[in-house]
Full PDB file with SEQRES, HELIX, SHEET, SSBOND, CRYST1, ORIGX, SCALE, CONECT and MASTER records, all heavy atoms in Angstrom:
SEQRES   1 A   45  TRP SER ALA GLU GLY LYS PRO MET LYS SER ILE ALA THR          
SEQRES   2 A   45  LEU GLU ASN MET SER PHE ALA THR VAL ASN PHE HIS LEU          
SEQRES   3 A   45  ASN ASN ALA ARG LYS VAL LEU ASP ALA GLY SER LEU ALA          
SEQRES   4 A   45  GLN ALA THR ALA LEU ALA                                      
HELIX    1 AA1 MET A    8  LEU A   14  1                                   7    
HELIX    2 AA2 PHE A   19  VAL A   32  1                                  14    
HELIX    3 AA3 LEU A   38  LEU A   44  1                                   7    
CRYST1    1.000    1.000    1.000  90.00  90.00  90.00 P 1           1          
ORIGX1      1.000000  0.000000  0.000000        0.00000                         
ORIGX2      0.000000  1.000000  0.000000        0.00000                         
ORIGX3      0.000000  0.000000  1.000000        0.00000                         
SCALE1      1.000000  0.000000  0.000000        0.00000                         
SCALE2      0.000000  1.000000  0.000000        0.00000                         
SCALE3      0.000000  0.000000  1.000000        0.00000                         
ATOM      1  N   TRP A   1     -48.908 -22.511  58.029  1.00  0.00           N  
ATOM      2  CA  TRP A   1     -49.277 -23.513  57.026  1.00  0.00           C  
ATOM      3  C   TRP A   1     -48.196 -24.577  56.903  1.00  0.00           C  
ATOM      4  O   TRP A   1     -48.484 -25.771  56.787  1.00  0.00           O  
ATOM      5  CB  TRP A   1     -49.522 -22.863  55.666  1.00  0.00           C  
ATOM      6  CG  TRP A   1     -50.847 -22.190  55.511  1.00  0.00           C  
ATOM      7  CD1 TRP A   1     -51.063 -20.873  55.239  1.00  0.00           C  
ATOM      8  CD2 TRP A   1     -52.149 -22.791  55.602  1.00  0.00           C  
ATOM      9  NE1 TRP A   1     -52.406 -20.618  55.162  1.00  0.00           N  
ATOM     10  CE2 TRP A   1     -53.103 -21.786  55.376  1.00  0.00           C  
ATOM     11  CE3 TRP A   1     -52.596 -24.080  55.852  1.00  0.00           C  
ATOM     12  CZ2 TRP A   1     -54.462 -22.020  55.388  1.00  0.00           C  
ATOM     13  CZ3 TRP A   1     -53.955 -24.335  55.877  1.00  0.00           C  
ATOM     14  CH2 TRP A   1     -54.874 -23.302  55.645  1.00  0.00           C  
ATOM     15  N   SER A   2     -46.958 -24.144  56.921  1.00  0.00           N  
ATOM     16  CA  SER A   2     -45.842 -25.083  56.804  1.00  0.00           C  
ATOM     17  C   SER A   2     -45.815 -26.042  57.996  1.00  0.00           C  
ATOM     18  O   SER A   2     -45.570 -27.242  57.837  1.00  0.00           O  
ATOM     19  CB  SER A   2     -44.521 -24.320  56.716  1.00  0.00           C  
ATOM     20  OG  SER A   2     -43.450 -25.210  56.593  1.00  0.00           O  
ATOM     21  N   ALA A   3     -46.095 -25.532  59.185  1.00  0.00           N  
ATOM     22  CA  ALA A   3     -46.129 -26.370  60.390  1.00  0.00           C  
ATOM     23  C   ALA A   3     -47.239 -27.413  60.309  1.00  0.00           C  
ATOM     24  O   ALA A   3     -47.146 -28.476  60.921  1.00  0.00           O  
ATOM     25  CB  ALA A   3     -46.308 -25.496  61.625  1.00  0.00           C  
ATOM     26  N   GLU A   4     -48.269 -27.106  59.542  1.00  0.00           N  
ATOM     27  CA  GLU A   4     -49.367 -28.048  59.352  1.00  0.00           C  
ATOM     28  C   GLU A   4     -49.089 -29.037  58.225  1.00  0.00           C  
ATOM     29  O   GLU A   4     -49.952 -29.833  57.854  1.00  0.00           O  
ATOM     30  CB  GLU A   4     -50.668 -27.290  59.091  1.00  0.00           C  
ATOM     31  CG  GLU A   4     -51.144 -26.526  60.317  1.00  0.00           C  
ATOM     32  CD  GLU A   4     -52.462 -25.808  60.099  1.00  0.00           C  
ATOM     33  OE1 GLU A   4     -53.170 -26.124  59.119  1.00  0.00           O  
ATOM     34  OE2 GLU A   4     -52.770 -24.938  60.924  1.00  0.00           O  
ATOM     35  N   GLY A   5     -47.876 -28.952  57.659  1.00  0.00           N  
ATOM     36  CA  GLY A   5     -47.461 -29.911  56.648  1.00  0.00           C  
ATOM     37  C   GLY A   5     -47.729 -29.521  55.211  1.00  0.00           C  
ATOM     38  O   GLY A   5     -47.550 -30.327  54.303  1.00  0.00           O  
ATOM     39  N   LYS A   6     -48.169 -28.287  54.994  1.00  0.00           N  
ATOM     40  CA  LYS A   6     -48.462 -27.858  53.618  1.00  0.00           C  
ATOM     41  C   LYS A   6     -47.166 -27.521  52.878  1.00  0.00           C  
ATOM     42  O   LYS A   6     -46.320 -26.802  53.382  1.00  0.00           O  
ATOM     43  CB  LYS A   6     -49.349 -26.608  53.614  1.00  0.00           C  
ATOM     44  CG  LYS A   6     -50.700 -26.794  54.285  1.00  0.00           C  
ATOM     45  CD  LYS A   6     -51.606 -27.656  53.468  1.00  0.00           C  
ATOM     46  CE  LYS A   6     -52.985 -27.721  54.113  1.00  0.00           C  
ATOM     47  NZ  LYS A   6     -53.771 -28.809  53.587  1.00  0.00           N  
ATOM     48  N   PRO A   7     -47.007 -28.043  51.667  1.00  0.00           N  
ATOM     49  CA  PRO A   7     -45.848 -27.653  50.853  1.00  0.00           C  
ATOM     50  C   PRO A   7     -46.035 -26.226  50.323  1.00  0.00           C  
ATOM     51  O   PRO A   7     -47.146 -25.686  50.305  1.00  0.00           O  
ATOM     52  CB  PRO A   7     -45.840 -28.670  49.717  1.00  0.00           C  
ATOM     53  CG  PRO A   7     -47.205 -29.248  49.682  1.00  0.00           C  
ATOM     54  CD  PRO A   7     -47.809 -29.074  51.044  1.00  0.00           C  
ATOM     55  N   MET A   8     -44.953 -25.628  49.900  1.00  0.00           N  
ATOM     56  CA  MET A   8     -44.992 -24.228  49.454  1.00  0.00           C  
ATOM     57  C   MET A   8     -45.983 -24.003  48.307  1.00  0.00           C  
ATOM     58  O   MET A   8     -46.652 -22.975  48.279  1.00  0.00           O  
ATOM     59  CB  MET A   8     -43.595 -23.742  49.070  1.00  0.00           C  
ATOM     60  CG  MET A   8     -42.734 -23.440  50.280  1.00  0.00           C  
ATOM     61  SD  MET A   8     -41.245 -22.516  49.875  1.00  0.00           S  
ATOM     62  CE  MET A   8     -40.104 -23.846  49.703  1.00  0.00           C  
ATOM     63  N   LYS A   9     -46.086 -24.934  47.392  1.00  0.00           N  
ATOM     64  CA  LYS A   9     -47.037 -24.771  46.279  1.00  0.00           C  
ATOM     65  C   LYS A   9     -48.468 -24.685  46.805  1.00  0.00           C  
ATOM     66  O   LYS A   9     -49.266 -23.882  46.330  1.00  0.00           O  
ATOM     67  CB  LYS A   9     -46.916 -25.911  45.268  1.00  0.00           C  
ATOM     68  CG  LYS A   9     -45.726 -25.789  44.360  1.00  0.00           C  
ATOM     69  CD  LYS A   9     -45.749 -26.876  43.297  1.00  0.00           C  
ATOM     70  CE  LYS A   9     -44.597 -26.684  42.333  1.00  0.00           C  
ATOM     71  NZ  LYS A   9     -44.638 -27.628  41.221  1.00  0.00           N  
ATOM     72  N   SER A  10     -48.794 -25.512  47.791  1.00  0.00           N  
ATOM     73  CA  SER A  10     -50.143 -25.489  48.371  1.00  0.00           C  
ATOM     74  C   SER A  10     -50.393 -24.197  49.138  1.00  0.00           C  
ATOM     75  O   SER A  10     -51.489 -23.636  49.076  1.00  0.00           O  
ATOM     76  CB  SER A  10     -50.347 -26.682  49.305  1.00  0.00           C  
ATOM     77  OG  SER A  10     -50.281 -27.880  48.584  1.00  0.00           O  
ATOM     78  N   ILE A  11     -49.377 -23.743  49.863  1.00  0.00           N  
ATOM     79  CA  ILE A  11     -49.514 -22.476  50.602  1.00  0.00           C  
ATOM     80  C   ILE A  11     -49.778 -21.342  49.618  1.00  0.00           C  
ATOM     81  O   ILE A  11     -50.643 -20.492  49.844  1.00  0.00           O  
ATOM     82  CB  ILE A  11     -48.259 -22.184  51.449  1.00  0.00           C  
ATOM     83  CG1 ILE A  11     -48.065 -23.257  52.519  1.00  0.00           C  
ATOM     84  CG2 ILE A  11     -48.349 -20.798  52.094  1.00  0.00           C  
ATOM     85  CD1 ILE A  11     -46.727 -23.193  53.251  1.00  0.00           C  
ATOM     86  N   ALA A  12     -49.055 -21.359  48.509  1.00  0.00           N  
ATOM     87  CA  ALA A  12     -49.231 -20.322  47.483  1.00  0.00           C  
ATOM     88  C   ALA A  12     -50.670 -20.332  46.959  1.00  0.00           C  
ATOM     89  O   ALA A  12     -51.296 -19.276  46.821  1.00  0.00           O  
ATOM     90  CB  ALA A  12     -48.244 -20.545  46.341  1.00  0.00           C  
ATOM     91  N   THR A  13     -51.199 -21.504  46.702  1.00  0.00           N  
ATOM     92  CA  THR A  13     -52.572 -21.618  46.212  1.00  0.00           C  
ATOM     93  C   THR A  13     -53.575 -21.164  47.270  1.00  0.00           C  
ATOM     94  O   THR A  13     -54.482 -20.377  46.977  1.00  0.00           O  
ATOM     95  CB  THR A  13     -52.875 -23.077  45.806  1.00  0.00           C  
ATOM     96  OG1 THR A  13     -51.944 -23.474  44.794  1.00  0.00           O  
ATOM     97  CG2 THR A  13     -54.287 -23.217  45.278  1.00  0.00           C  
ATOM     98  N   LEU A  14     -53.398 -21.636  48.492  1.00  0.00           N  
ATOM     99  CA  LEU A  14     -54.324 -21.288  49.580  1.00  0.00           C  
ATOM    100  C   LEU A  14     -54.367 -19.786  49.862  1.00  0.00           C  
ATOM    101  O   LEU A  14     -55.423 -19.232  50.162  1.00  0.00           O  
ATOM    102  CB  LEU A  14     -53.922 -22.016  50.865  1.00  0.00           C  
ATOM    103  CG  LEU A  14     -54.207 -23.514  50.909  1.00  0.00           C  
ATOM    104  CD1 LEU A  14     -53.463 -24.162  52.062  1.00  0.00           C  
ATOM    105  CD2 LEU A  14     -55.698 -23.741  51.039  1.00  0.00           C  
ATOM    106  N   GLU A  15     -53.212 -19.149  49.777  1.00  0.00           N  
ATOM    107  CA  GLU A  15     -53.126 -17.727  50.128  1.00  0.00           C  
ATOM    108  C   GLU A  15     -53.081 -16.800  48.911  1.00  0.00           C  
ATOM    109  O   GLU A  15     -52.854 -15.604  49.050  1.00  0.00           O  
ATOM    110  CB  GLU A  15     -51.895 -17.489  51.016  1.00  0.00           C  
ATOM    111  CG  GLU A  15     -51.995 -18.171  52.368  1.00  0.00           C  
ATOM    112  CD  GLU A  15     -53.202 -17.716  53.173  1.00  0.00           C  
ATOM    113  OE1 GLU A  15     -53.607 -16.543  53.061  1.00  0.00           O  
ATOM    114  OE2 GLU A  15     -53.755 -18.554  53.922  1.00  0.00           O  
ATOM    115  N   ASN A  16     -53.311 -17.372  47.737  1.00  0.00           N  
ATOM    116  CA  ASN A  16     -53.334 -16.581  46.502  1.00  0.00           C  
ATOM    117  C   ASN A  16     -52.046 -15.775  46.330  1.00  0.00           C  
ATOM    118  O   ASN A  16     -52.070 -14.573  46.074  1.00  0.00           O  
ATOM    119  CB  ASN A  16     -54.569 -15.672  46.452  1.00  0.00           C  
ATOM    120  CG  ASN A  16     -54.865 -15.191  45.057  1.00  0.00           C  
ATOM    121  OD1 ASN A  16     -54.491 -15.845  44.075  1.00  0.00           O  
ATOM    122  ND2 ASN A  16     -55.515 -14.043  44.949  1.00  0.00           N  
ATOM    123  N   MET A  17     -50.925 -16.456  46.526  1.00  0.00           N  
ATOM    124  CA  MET A  17     -49.599 -15.855  46.350  1.00  0.00           C  
ATOM    125  C   MET A  17     -48.845 -16.683  45.317  1.00  0.00           C  
ATOM    126  O   MET A  17     -49.229 -17.809  45.024  1.00  0.00           O  
ATOM    127  CB  MET A  17     -48.785 -15.921  47.660  1.00  0.00           C  
ATOM    128  CG  MET A  17     -49.299 -15.168  48.828  1.00  0.00           C  
ATOM    129  SD  MET A  17     -48.103 -15.402  50.185  1.00  0.00           S  
ATOM    130  CE  MET A  17     -49.161 -15.137  51.575  1.00  0.00           C  
ATOM    131  N   SER A  18     -47.778 -16.132  44.830  1.00  0.00           N  
ATOM    132  CA  SER A  18     -46.921 -16.919  43.948  1.00  0.00           C  
ATOM    133  C   SER A  18     -46.012 -17.798  44.807  1.00  0.00           C  
ATOM    134  O   SER A  18     -45.789 -17.523  45.993  1.00  0.00           O  
ATOM    135  CB  SER A  18     -46.067 -16.001  43.067  1.00  0.00           C  
ATOM    136  OG  SER A  18     -45.088 -15.344  43.851  1.00  0.00           O  
ATOM    137  N   PHE A  19     -45.509 -18.849  44.197  1.00  0.00           N  
ATOM    138  CA  PHE A  19     -44.574 -19.727  44.878  1.00  0.00           C  
ATOM    139  C   PHE A  19     -43.368 -18.931  45.374  1.00  0.00           C  
ATOM    140  O   PHE A  19     -42.895 -19.130  46.499  1.00  0.00           O  
ATOM    141  CB  PHE A  19     -44.125 -20.854  43.938  1.00  0.00           C  
ATOM    142  CG  PHE A  19     -43.089 -21.767  44.529  1.00  0.00           C  
ATOM    143  CD1 PHE A  19     -43.463 -22.849  45.296  1.00  0.00           C  
ATOM    144  CD2 PHE A  19     -41.738 -21.539  44.322  1.00  0.00           C  
ATOM    145  CE1 PHE A  19     -42.519 -23.697  45.848  1.00  0.00           C  
ATOM    146  CE2 PHE A  19     -40.786 -22.379  44.874  1.00  0.00           C  
ATOM    147  CZ  PHE A  19     -41.178 -23.459  45.636  1.00  0.00           C  
ATOM    148  N   ALA A  20     -42.885 -18.018  44.538  1.00  0.00           N  
ATOM    149  CA  ALA A  20     -41.705 -17.201  44.894  1.00  0.00           C  
ATOM    150  C   ALA A  20     -41.975 -16.343  46.126  1.00  0.00           C  
ATOM    151  O   ALA A  20     -41.095 -16.164  46.972  1.00  0.00           O  
ATOM    152  CB  ALA A  20     -41.300 -16.325  43.714  1.00  0.00           C  
ATOM    153  N   THR A  21     -43.198 -15.825  46.245  1.00  0.00           N  
ATOM    154  CA  THR A  21     -43.549 -15.001  47.402  1.00  0.00           C  
ATOM    155  C   THR A  21     -43.573 -15.832  48.673  1.00  0.00           C  
ATOM    156  O   THR A  21     -43.061 -15.419  49.716  1.00  0.00           O  
ATOM    157  CB  THR A  21     -44.906 -14.302  47.184  1.00  0.00           C  
ATOM    158  OG1 THR A  21     -44.813 -13.491  46.009  1.00  0.00           O  
ATOM    159  CG2 THR A  21     -45.292 -13.440  48.363  1.00  0.00           C  
ATOM    160  N   VAL A  22     -44.145 -17.017  48.593  1.00  0.00           N  
ATOM    161  CA  VAL A  22     -44.172 -17.917  49.759  1.00  0.00           C  
ATOM    162  C   VAL A  22     -42.744 -18.281  50.150  1.00  0.00           C  
ATOM    163  O   VAL A  22     -42.369 -18.232  51.321  1.00  0.00           O  
ATOM    164  CB  VAL A  22     -45.004 -19.185  49.466  1.00  0.00           C  
ATOM    165  CG1 VAL A  22     -44.864 -20.201  50.587  1.00  0.00           C  
ATOM    166  CG2 VAL A  22     -46.461 -18.822  49.235  1.00  0.00           C  
ATOM    167  N   ASN A  23     -41.931 -18.627  49.160  1.00  0.00           N  
ATOM    168  CA  ASN A  23     -40.529 -18.958  49.403  1.00  0.00           C  
ATOM    169  C   ASN A  23     -39.801 -17.787  50.062  1.00  0.00           C  
ATOM    170  O   ASN A  23     -39.034 -17.977  51.016  1.00  0.00           O  
ATOM    171  CB  ASN A  23     -39.859 -19.345  48.084  1.00  0.00           C  
ATOM    172  CG  ASN A  23     -38.472 -19.895  48.279  1.00  0.00           C  
ATOM    173  OD1 ASN A  23     -38.198 -20.623  49.226  1.00  0.00           O  
ATOM    174  ND2 ASN A  23     -37.577 -19.546  47.369  1.00  0.00           N  
ATOM    175  N   PHE A  24     -40.062 -16.575  49.590  1.00  0.00           N  
ATOM    176  CA  PHE A  24     -39.462 -15.360  50.137  1.00  0.00           C  
ATOM    177  C   PHE A  24     -39.816 -15.203  51.625  1.00  0.00           C  
ATOM    178  O   PHE A  24     -38.941 -14.992  52.465  1.00  0.00           O  
ATOM    179  CB  PHE A  24     -39.946 -14.143  49.330  1.00  0.00           C  
ATOM    180  CG  PHE A  24     -39.570 -12.819  49.907  1.00  0.00           C  
ATOM    181  CD1 PHE A  24     -38.300 -12.293  49.708  1.00  0.00           C  
ATOM    182  CD2 PHE A  24     -40.484 -12.083  50.652  1.00  0.00           C  
ATOM    183  CE1 PHE A  24     -37.950 -11.051  50.237  1.00  0.00           C  
ATOM    184  CE2 PHE A  24     -40.145 -10.853  51.185  1.00  0.00           C  
ATOM    185  CZ  PHE A  24     -38.867 -10.332  50.978  1.00  0.00           C  
ATOM    186  N   HIS A  25     -41.096 -15.325  51.949  1.00  0.00           N  
ATOM    187  CA  HIS A  25     -41.541 -15.144  53.341  1.00  0.00           C  
ATOM    188  C   HIS A  25     -40.992 -16.244  54.253  1.00  0.00           C  
ATOM    189  O   HIS A  25     -40.578 -15.959  55.384  1.00  0.00           O  
ATOM    190  CB  HIS A  25     -43.066 -15.092  53.422  1.00  0.00           C  
ATOM    191  CG  HIS A  25     -43.652 -13.851  52.850  1.00  0.00           C  
ATOM    192  ND1 HIS A  25     -43.284 -12.590  53.245  1.00  0.00           N  
ATOM    193  CD2 HIS A  25     -44.586 -13.675  51.896  1.00  0.00           C  
ATOM    194  CE1 HIS A  25     -43.969 -11.692  52.570  1.00  0.00           C  
ATOM    195  NE2 HIS A  25     -44.775 -12.330  51.730  1.00  0.00           N  
ATOM    196  N   LEU A  26     -40.986 -17.478  53.778  1.00  0.00           N  
ATOM    197  CA  LEU A  26     -40.471 -18.571  54.600  1.00  0.00           C  
ATOM    198  C   LEU A  26     -38.964 -18.473  54.804  1.00  0.00           C  
ATOM    199  O   LEU A  26     -38.460 -18.737  55.905  1.00  0.00           O  
ATOM    200  CB  LEU A  26     -40.847 -19.925  53.994  1.00  0.00           C  
ATOM    201  CG  LEU A  26     -42.322 -20.298  54.114  1.00  0.00           C  
ATOM    202  CD1 LEU A  26     -42.625 -21.578  53.331  1.00  0.00           C  
ATOM    203  CD2 LEU A  26     -42.731 -20.462  55.571  1.00  0.00           C  
ATOM    204  N   ASN A  27     -38.240 -18.066  53.780  1.00  0.00           N  
ATOM    205  CA  ASN A  27     -36.790 -17.877  53.928  1.00  0.00           C  
ATOM    206  C   ASN A  27     -36.481 -16.747  54.910  1.00  0.00           C  
ATOM    207  O   ASN A  27     -35.569 -16.863  55.730  1.00  0.00           O  
ATOM    208  CB  ASN A  27     -36.120 -17.607  52.585  1.00  0.00           C  
ATOM    209  CG  ASN A  27     -35.768 -18.877  51.853  1.00  0.00           C  
ATOM    210  OD1 ASN A  27     -35.507 -19.906  52.462  1.00  0.00           O  
ATOM    211  ND2 ASN A  27     -35.773 -18.812  50.536  1.00  0.00           N  
ATOM    212  N   ASN A  28     -37.240 -15.675  54.818  1.00  0.00           N  
ATOM    213  CA  ASN A  28     -37.014 -14.557  55.751  1.00  0.00           C  
ATOM    214  C   ASN A  28     -37.376 -14.954  57.175  1.00  0.00           C  
ATOM    215  O   ASN A  28     -36.677 -14.574  58.125  1.00  0.00           O  
ATOM    216  CB  ASN A  28     -37.787 -13.312  55.315  1.00  0.00           C  
ATOM    217  CG  ASN A  28     -37.132 -12.633  54.136  1.00  0.00           C  
ATOM    218  OD1 ASN A  28     -35.935 -12.770  53.905  1.00  0.00           O  
ATOM    219  ND2 ASN A  28     -37.915 -11.893  53.363  1.00  0.00           N  
ATOM    220  N   ALA A  29     -38.432 -15.723  57.349  1.00  0.00           N  
ATOM    221  CA  ALA A  29     -38.812 -16.199  58.678  1.00  0.00           C  
ATOM    222  C   ALA A  29     -37.718 -17.097  59.244  1.00  0.00           C  
ATOM    223  O   ALA A  29     -37.368 -17.004  60.427  1.00  0.00           O  
ATOM    224  CB  ALA A  29     -40.140 -16.952  58.611  1.00  0.00           C  
ATOM    225  N   ARG A  30     -37.180 -17.942  58.396  1.00  0.00           N  
ATOM    226  CA  ARG A  30     -36.094 -18.831  58.818  1.00  0.00           C  
ATOM    227  C   ARG A  30     -34.888 -18.019  59.282  1.00  0.00           C  
ATOM    228  O   ARG A  30     -34.286 -18.315  60.319  1.00  0.00           O  
ATOM    229  CB  ARG A  30     -35.702 -19.757  57.661  1.00  0.00           C  
ATOM    230  CG  ARG A  30     -34.694 -20.824  58.025  1.00  0.00           C  
ATOM    231  CD  ARG A  30     -34.301 -21.664  56.820  1.00  0.00           C  
ATOM    232  NE  ARG A  30     -33.899 -20.888  55.652  1.00  0.00           N  
ATOM    233  CZ  ARG A  30     -32.717 -20.284  55.528  1.00  0.00           C  
ATOM    234  NH1 ARG A  30     -31.827 -20.350  56.481  1.00  0.00           N  
ATOM    235  NH2 ARG A  30     -32.441 -19.603  54.433  1.00  0.00           N  
ATOM    236  N   LYS A  31     -34.575 -16.952  58.555  1.00  0.00           N  
ATOM    237  CA  LYS A  31     -33.447 -16.095  58.933  1.00  0.00           C  
ATOM    238  C   LYS A  31     -33.720 -15.357  60.247  1.00  0.00           C  
ATOM    239  O   LYS A  31     -32.844 -15.251  61.099  1.00  0.00           O  
ATOM    240  CB  LYS A  31     -33.152 -15.088  57.815  1.00  0.00           C  
ATOM    241  CG  LYS A  31     -32.546 -15.733  56.587  1.00  0.00           C  
ATOM    242  CD  LYS A  31     -32.384 -14.731  55.464  1.00  0.00           C  
ATOM    243  CE  LYS A  31     -31.952 -15.414  54.179  1.00  0.00           C  
ATOM    244  NZ  LYS A  31     -31.926 -14.497  53.038  1.00  0.00           N  
ATOM    245  N   VAL A  32     -34.942 -14.837  60.400  1.00  0.00           N  
ATOM    246  CA  VAL A  32     -35.301 -14.131  61.637  1.00  0.00           C  
ATOM    247  C   VAL A  32     -35.153 -15.061  62.832  1.00  0.00           C  
ATOM    248  O   VAL A  32     -34.656 -14.661  63.892  1.00  0.00           O  
ATOM    249  CB  VAL A  32     -36.749 -13.580  61.558  1.00  0.00           C  
ATOM    250  CG1 VAL A  32     -37.243 -13.142  62.924  1.00  0.00           C  
ATOM    251  CG2 VAL A  32     -36.832 -12.439  60.566  1.00  0.00           C  
ATOM    252  N   LEU A  33     -35.562 -16.316  62.672  1.00  0.00           N  
ATOM    253  CA  LEU A  33     -35.508 -17.291  63.757  1.00  0.00           C  
ATOM    254  C   LEU A  33     -34.132 -17.934  63.899  1.00  0.00           C  
ATOM    255  O   LEU A  33     -33.912 -18.738  64.798  1.00  0.00           O  
ATOM    256  CB  LEU A  33     -36.573 -18.371  63.537  1.00  0.00           C  
ATOM    257  CG  LEU A  33     -38.012 -17.884  63.613  1.00  0.00           C  
ATOM    258  CD1 LEU A  33     -38.966 -18.962  63.118  1.00  0.00           C  
ATOM    259  CD2 LEU A  33     -38.363 -17.464  65.034  1.00  0.00           C  
ATOM    260  N   ASP A  34     -33.220 -17.584  62.994  1.00  0.00           N  
ATOM    261  CA  ASP A  34     -31.861 -18.133  62.984  1.00  0.00           C  
ATOM    262  C   ASP A  34     -31.899 -19.661  62.922  1.00  0.00           C  
ATOM    263  O   ASP A  34     -31.188 -20.348  63.653  1.00  0.00           O  
ATOM    264  CB  ASP A  34     -31.074 -17.659  64.210  1.00  0.00           C  
ATOM    265  CG  ASP A  34     -29.574 -17.882  64.050  1.00  0.00           C  
ATOM    266  OD1 ASP A  34     -29.102 -17.918  62.908  1.00  0.00           O  
ATOM    267  OD2 ASP A  34     -28.883 -18.055  65.083  1.00  0.00           O  
ATOM    268  N   ALA A  35     -32.774 -20.165  62.067  1.00  0.00           N  
ATOM    269  CA  ALA A  35     -32.947 -21.608  61.902  1.00  0.00           C  
ATOM    270  C   ALA A  35     -32.212 -22.074  60.651  1.00  0.00           C  
ATOM    271  O   ALA A  35     -32.149 -21.367  59.652  1.00  0.00           O  
ATOM    272  CB  ALA A  35     -34.429 -21.945  61.793  1.00  0.00           C  
ATOM    273  N   GLY A  36     -31.684 -23.276  60.720  1.00  0.00           N  
ATOM    274  CA  GLY A  36     -30.950 -23.819  59.589  1.00  0.00           C  
ATOM    275  C   GLY A  36     -31.836 -24.401  58.509  1.00  0.00           C  
ATOM    276  O   GLY A  36     -31.397 -24.572  57.379  1.00  0.00           O  
ATOM    277  N   SER A  37     -33.069 -24.713  58.858  1.00  0.00           N  
ATOM    278  CA  SER A  37     -33.984 -25.315  57.888  1.00  0.00           C  
ATOM    279  C   SER A  37     -35.402 -24.832  58.167  1.00  0.00           C  
ATOM    280  O   SER A  37     -35.689 -24.288  59.240  1.00  0.00           O  
ATOM    281  CB  SER A  37     -33.942 -26.843  57.989  1.00  0.00           C  
ATOM    282  OG  SER A  37     -34.481 -27.253  59.235  1.00  0.00           O  
ATOM    283  N   LEU A  38     -36.269 -25.079  57.216  1.00  0.00           N  
ATOM    284  CA  LEU A  38     -37.674 -24.710  57.388  1.00  0.00           C  
ATOM    285  C   LEU A  38     -38.307 -25.533  58.505  1.00  0.00           C  
ATOM    286  O   LEU A  38     -39.078 -25.016  59.310  1.00  0.00           O  
ATOM    287  CB  LEU A  38     -38.437 -24.899  56.072  1.00  0.00           C  
ATOM    288  CG  LEU A  38     -39.921 -24.565  56.095  1.00  0.00           C  
ATOM    289  CD1 LEU A  38     -40.162 -23.133  56.578  1.00  0.00           C  
ATOM    290  CD2 LEU A  38     -40.520 -24.765  54.710  1.00  0.00           C  
ATOM    291  N   ALA A  39     -37.944 -26.813  58.583  1.00  0.00           N  
ATOM    292  CA  ALA A  39     -38.479 -27.666  59.651  1.00  0.00           C  
ATOM    293  C   ALA A  39     -38.072 -27.130  61.027  1.00  0.00           C  
ATOM    294  O   ALA A  39     -38.883 -27.092  61.956  1.00  0.00           O  
ATOM    295  CB  ALA A  39     -37.990 -29.095  59.471  1.00  0.00           C  
ATOM    296  N   GLN A  40     -36.834 -26.703  61.148  1.00  0.00           N  
ATOM    297  CA  GLN A  40     -36.375 -26.144  62.419  1.00  0.00           C  
ATOM    298  C   GLN A  40     -37.098 -24.833  62.719  1.00  0.00           C  
ATOM    299  O   GLN A  40     -37.476 -24.562  63.859  1.00  0.00           O  
ATOM    300  CB  GLN A  40     -34.864 -25.916  62.390  1.00  0.00           C  
ATOM    301  CG  GLN A  40     -34.312 -25.420  63.713  1.00  0.00           C  
ATOM    302  CD  GLN A  40     -32.816 -25.124  63.665  1.00  0.00           C  
ATOM    303  OE1 GLN A  40     -32.214 -25.087  62.591  1.00  0.00           O  
ATOM    304  NE2 GLN A  40     -32.234 -24.904  64.818  1.00  0.00           N  
ATOM    305  N   ALA A  41     -37.319 -24.014  61.705  1.00  0.00           N  
ATOM    306  CA  ALA A  41     -38.023 -22.741  61.896  1.00  0.00           C  
ATOM    307  C   ALA A  41     -39.451 -22.966  62.372  1.00  0.00           C  
ATOM    308  O   ALA A  41     -39.912 -22.285  63.299  1.00  0.00           O  
ATOM    309  CB  ALA A  41     -38.017 -21.934  60.595  1.00  0.00           C  
ATOM    310  N   THR A  42     -40.149 -23.927  61.768  1.00  0.00           N  
ATOM    311  CA  THR A  42     -41.531 -24.176  62.186  1.00  0.00           C  
ATOM    312  C   THR A  42     -41.569 -24.763  63.597  1.00  0.00           C  
ATOM    313  O   THR A  42     -42.434 -24.402  64.392  1.00  0.00           O  
ATOM    314  CB  THR A  42     -42.265 -25.106  61.202  1.00  0.00           C  
ATOM    315  OG1 THR A  42     -41.554 -26.324  61.080  1.00  0.00           O  
ATOM    316  CG2 THR A  42     -42.437 -24.468  59.851  1.00  0.00           C  
ATOM    317  N   ALA A  43     -40.622 -25.622  63.917  1.00  0.00           N  
ATOM    318  CA  ALA A  43     -40.563 -26.204  65.273  1.00  0.00           C  
ATOM    319  C   ALA A  43     -40.291 -25.112  66.309  1.00  0.00           C  
ATOM    320  O   ALA A  43     -40.936 -25.055  67.357  1.00  0.00           O  
ATOM    321  CB  ALA A  43     -39.503 -27.288  65.342  1.00  0.00           C  
ATOM    322  N   LEU A  44     -39.348 -24.234  66.011  1.00  0.00           N  
ATOM    323  CA  LEU A  44     -39.012 -23.155  66.933  1.00  0.00           C  
ATOM    324  C   LEU A  44     -40.169 -22.172  67.102  1.00  0.00           C  
ATOM    325  O   LEU A  44     -40.512 -21.773  68.214  1.00  0.00           O  
ATOM    326  CB  LEU A  44     -37.750 -22.421  66.453  1.00  0.00           C  
ATOM    327  CG  LEU A  44     -37.211 -21.313  67.335  1.00  0.00           C  
ATOM    328  CD1 LEU A  44     -36.903 -21.827  68.738  1.00  0.00           C  
ATOM    329  CD2 LEU A  44     -35.964 -20.716  66.714  1.00  0.00           C  
ATOM    330  N   ALA A  45     -40.788 -21.808  65.982  1.00  0.00           N  
ATOM    331  CA  ALA A  45     -41.925 -20.877  66.049  1.00  0.00           C  
ATOM    332  C   ALA A  45     -43.082 -21.481  66.852  1.00  0.00           C  
ATOM    333  O   ALA A  45     -43.744 -20.784  67.615  1.00  0.00           O  
ATOM    334  CB  ALA A  45     -42.386 -20.515  64.627  1.00  0.00           C  
TER     335      ALA A  45                                                      
MASTER        0    0    0    3    0    0    0    6  334    1    0    4          
END                                                                             
């Protein structure tokens, strides 16, 4: 969703999650990919 340009609030609404949960998953994905930013993580993924 982030790669498609959706902000975290929209992702939370689309997936029926809280903003904090979306933030949690995106931060963990960024760490797994060893990316410095969310944009870098989505580009790498």
